[in-house]
Amino acid sequence: MSAIFYKFALLIAMVTLVMCLLSGISILTSLFRAGVVFLGTLFVIVVALFVLRWVVNSPAPPLNQVKEQNEVK
């Protein structure tokens, strides 16, 4: 994966950490939540990339079949 995905996940995790600390949650809980957000963000990115690759590589019917189906109608 590209480093930009890690940087994006780290940015989201840091924002989560700061928001947790500013709302009065303990440091350990804030770090744990930031870690979960970091891993969750990476998981969502990986799943989105797999879905995108699956959609882009999905086979399309040959062009002559499409023309034949249009002529039949």
N, C-alpha and C. Protein backbone atom coordinates (compact mmCIF):
# COMPACT_ATOMS: atom_id res chain seq x y z
N MET A 1 0.84 -1.18 0.00
CA MET A 1 0.00 0.00 0.00
C MET A 1 0.88 1.24 0.00
N SER A 2 0.30 2.27 -0.52
CA SER A 2 1.02 3.53 -0.60
C SER A 2 1.13 4.17 0.79
N ALA A 3 2.16 4.97 0.95
CA ALA A 3 2.38 5.63 2.24
C ALA A 3 1.28 6.65 2.54
N ILE A 4 0.59 7.12 1.52
CA ILE A 4 -0.46 8.10 1.75
C ILE A 4 -1.61 7.51 2.55
N PHE A 5 -1.86 6.21 2.39
CA PHE A 5 -2.92 5.57 3.16
C PHE A 5 -2.55 5.50 4.64
N TYR A 6 -1.30 5.19 4.92
CA TYR A 6 -0.84 5.16 6.31
C TYR A 6 -0.89 6.56 6.93
N LYS A 7 -0.50 7.56 6.15
CA LYS A 7 -0.53 8.93 6.66
C LYS A 7 -1.96 9.38 6.93
N PHE A 8 -2.88 9.01 6.05
CA PHE A 8 -4.28 9.37 6.25
C PHE A 8 -4.83 8.69 7.50
N ALA A 9 -4.54 7.40 7.67
CA ALA A 9 -5.01 6.67 8.85
C ALA A 9 -4.39 7.25 10.12
N LEU A 10 -3.12 7.62 10.05
CA LEU A 10 -2.45 8.22 11.20
C LEU A 10 -3.06 9.58 11.55
N LEU A 11 -3.40 10.36 10.54
CA LEU A 11 -4.03 11.66 10.78
C LEU A 11 -5.38 11.49 11.47
N ILE A 12 -6.17 10.55 11.01
CA ILE A 12 -7.47 10.31 11.63
C ILE A 12 -7.29 9.81 13.07
N ALA A 13 -6.30 8.95 13.29
CA ALA A 13 -6.04 8.44 14.64
C ALA A 13 -5.57 9.56 15.56
N MET A 14 -4.74 10.47 15.06
CA MET A 14 -4.28 11.58 15.90
C MET A 14 -5.43 12.52 16.25
N VAL A 15 -6.31 12.77 15.29
CA VAL A 15 -7.49 13.61 15.58
C VAL A 15 -8.35 12.95 16.65
N THR A 16 -8.51 11.62 16.54
CA THR A 16 -9.27 10.89 17.55
C THR A 16 -8.62 10.98 18.92
N LEU A 17 -7.31 10.83 18.96
CA LEU A 17 -6.58 10.92 20.22
C LEU A 17 -6.77 12.29 20.87
N VAL A 18 -6.63 13.34 20.09
CA VAL A 18 -6.78 14.70 20.63
C VAL A 18 -8.20 14.94 21.11
N MET A 19 -9.18 14.48 20.33
CA MET A 19 -10.58 14.67 20.73
C MET A 19 -10.89 13.91 22.02
N CYS A 20 -10.35 12.71 22.15
CA CYS A 20 -10.57 11.94 23.38
C CYS A 20 -9.92 12.62 24.58
N LEU A 21 -8.70 13.09 24.39
CA LEU A 21 -8.01 13.74 25.51
C LEU A 21 -8.69 15.05 25.90
N LEU A 22 -9.20 15.79 24.94
CA LEU A 22 -9.88 17.05 25.25
C LEU A 22 -11.23 16.83 25.91
N SER A 23 -11.82 15.66 25.69
CA SER A 23 -13.12 15.40 26.31
C SER A 23 -12.99 14.76 27.69
N GLY A 24 -11.77 14.60 28.18
CA GLY A 24 -11.56 14.13 29.54
C GLY A 24 -11.42 12.63 29.69
N ILE A 25 -11.20 11.91 28.61
CA ILE A 25 -11.02 10.46 28.68
C ILE A 25 -9.56 10.19 29.05
N SER A 26 -9.30 9.13 29.77
CA SER A 26 -7.95 8.84 30.24
C SER A 26 -6.99 8.59 29.07
N ILE A 27 -5.72 8.73 29.35
CA ILE A 27 -4.70 8.61 28.31
C ILE A 27 -4.67 7.20 27.73
N LEU A 28 -4.75 6.20 28.58
CA LEU A 28 -4.69 4.82 28.11
C LEU A 28 -5.89 4.49 27.20
N THR A 29 -7.06 4.90 27.61
CA THR A 29 -8.26 4.67 26.79
C THR A 29 -8.17 5.45 25.49
N SER A 30 -7.64 6.65 25.54
CA SER A 30 -7.49 7.47 24.33
C SER A 30 -6.52 6.82 23.36
N LEU A 31 -5.41 6.30 23.87
CA LEU A 31 -4.45 5.62 23.01
C LEU A 31 -5.04 4.35 22.40
N PHE A 32 -5.79 3.62 23.20
CA PHE A 32 -6.43 2.40 22.69
C PHE A 32 -7.44 2.74 21.59
N ARG A 33 -8.24 3.77 21.82
CA ARG A 33 -9.22 4.17 20.80
C ARG A 33 -8.53 4.65 19.54
N ALA A 34 -7.45 5.40 19.68
CA ALA A 34 -6.72 5.87 18.51
C ALA A 34 -6.14 4.70 17.73
N GLY A 35 -5.65 3.69 18.44
CA GLY A 35 -5.13 2.50 17.76
C GLY A 35 -6.22 1.74 17.02
N VAL A 36 -7.38 1.63 17.64
CA VAL A 36 -8.51 0.96 16.98
C VAL A 36 -8.95 1.75 15.75
N VAL A 37 -8.97 3.06 15.86
CA VAL A 37 -9.34 3.90 14.71
C VAL A 37 -8.30 3.77 13.60
N PHE A 38 -7.03 3.72 13.95
CA PHE A 38 -5.97 3.55 12.95
C PHE A 38 -6.13 2.24 12.21
N LEU A 39 -6.30 1.14 12.94
CA LEU A 39 -6.46 -0.16 12.30
C LEU A 39 -7.78 -0.25 11.52
N GLY A 40 -8.83 0.33 12.06
CA GLY A 40 -10.11 0.33 11.37
C GLY A 40 -10.06 1.11 10.07
N THR A 41 -9.37 2.24 10.09
CA THR A 41 -9.23 3.03 8.87
C THR A 41 -8.46 2.28 7.81
N LEU A 42 -7.37 1.62 8.20
CA LEU A 42 -6.60 0.82 7.24
C LEU A 42 -7.44 -0.33 6.70
N PHE A 43 -8.26 -0.95 7.56
CA PHE A 43 -9.11 -2.04 7.12
C PHE A 43 -10.13 -1.56 6.09
N VAL A 44 -10.74 -0.41 6.35
CA VAL A 44 -11.72 0.14 5.42
C VAL A 44 -11.07 0.48 4.08
N ILE A 45 -9.87 1.02 4.11
CA ILE A 45 -9.15 1.35 2.88
C ILE A 45 -8.84 0.08 2.09
N VAL A 46 -8.37 -0.96 2.77
CA VAL A 46 -8.04 -2.21 2.08
C VAL A 46 -9.29 -2.82 1.46
N VAL A 47 -10.38 -2.86 2.19
CA VAL A 47 -11.63 -3.42 1.65
C VAL A 47 -12.11 -2.59 0.47
N ALA A 48 -12.02 -1.27 0.56
CA ALA A 48 -12.45 -0.40 -0.54
C ALA A 48 -11.59 -0.63 -1.78
N LEU A 49 -10.29 -0.84 -1.59
CA LEU A 49 -9.41 -1.10 -2.73
C LEU A 49 -9.73 -2.45 -3.37
N PHE A 50 -10.02 -3.47 -2.57
CA PHE A 50 -10.40 -4.77 -3.12
C PHE A 50 -11.70 -4.68 -3.91
N VAL A 51 -12.67 -3.97 -3.37
CA VAL A 51 -13.95 -3.81 -4.07
C VAL A 51 -13.73 -3.03 -5.37
N LEU A 52 -12.94 -1.99 -5.32
CA LEU A 52 -12.66 -1.20 -6.51
C LEU A 52 -11.97 -2.05 -7.57
N ARG A 53 -11.01 -2.86 -7.16
CA ARG A 53 -10.31 -3.72 -8.11
C ARG A 53 -11.26 -4.76 -8.70
N TRP A 54 -12.18 -5.27 -7.88
CA TRP A 54 -13.14 -6.25 -8.35
C TRP A 54 -14.10 -5.64 -9.37
N VAL A 55 -14.54 -4.40 -9.11
CA VAL A 55 -15.48 -3.73 -10.01
C VAL A 55 -14.79 -3.39 -11.33
N VAL A 56 -13.57 -2.92 -11.27
CA VAL A 56 -12.86 -2.52 -12.47
C VAL A 56 -12.54 -3.74 -13.34
N ASN A 57 -12.20 -4.86 -12.72
CA ASN A 57 -11.82 -6.05 -13.46
C ASN A 57 -12.98 -6.97 -13.78
N SER A 58 -14.21 -6.56 -13.50
CA SER A 58 -15.34 -7.44 -13.78
C SER A 58 -15.49 -7.60 -15.29
N PRO A 59 -15.74 -8.82 -15.73
CA PRO A 59 -15.82 -9.06 -17.17
C PRO A 59 -17.09 -8.46 -17.78
N ALA A 60 -16.95 -7.90 -18.94
CA ALA A 60 -18.08 -7.34 -19.67
C ALA A 60 -18.41 -8.28 -20.83
N PRO A 61 -19.66 -8.34 -21.23
CA PRO A 61 -20.00 -9.21 -22.36
C PRO A 61 -19.36 -8.70 -23.64
N PRO A 62 -19.00 -9.59 -24.54
CA PRO A 62 -18.41 -9.15 -25.81
C PRO A 62 -19.36 -8.21 -26.56
N LEU A 63 -18.80 -7.33 -27.34
CA LEU A 63 -19.57 -6.30 -28.01
C LEU A 63 -20.56 -6.91 -29.00
N ASN A 64 -20.18 -7.99 -29.68
CA ASN A 64 -21.10 -8.57 -30.66
C ASN A 64 -22.32 -9.19 -29.96
N GLN A 65 -22.16 -9.70 -28.75
CA GLN A 65 -23.31 -10.22 -28.01
C GLN A 65 -24.28 -9.10 -27.65
N VAL A 66 -23.74 -7.96 -27.28
CA VAL A 66 -24.59 -6.82 -26.92
C VAL A 66 -25.37 -6.36 -28.14
N LYS A 67 -24.72 -6.31 -29.30
CA LYS A 67 -25.41 -5.90 -30.53
C LYS A 67 -26.52 -6.88 -30.88
N GLU A 68 -26.26 -8.19 -30.73
CA GLU A 68 -27.26 -9.20 -31.04
C GLU A 68 -28.45 -9.08 -30.09
N GLN A 69 -28.21 -8.81 -28.84
CA GLN A 69 -29.31 -8.67 -27.88
C GLN A 69 -30.15 -7.44 -28.21
N ASN A 70 -29.53 -6.38 -28.66
CA ASN A 70 -30.26 -5.16 -29.02
C ASN A 70 -31.09 -5.38 -30.28
N GLU A 71 -30.58 -6.17 -31.23
CA GLU A 71 -31.30 -6.43 -32.46
C GLU A 71 -32.52 -7.31 -32.22
N VAL A 72 -32.44 -8.23 -31.29
CA VAL A 72 -33.55 -9.13 -31.00
C VAL A 72 -34.73 -8.36 -30.43
N LYS A 73 -34.46 -7.38 -29.63
CA LYS A 73 -35.53 -6.58 -29.01
C LYS A 73 -36.20 -5.78 -30.08
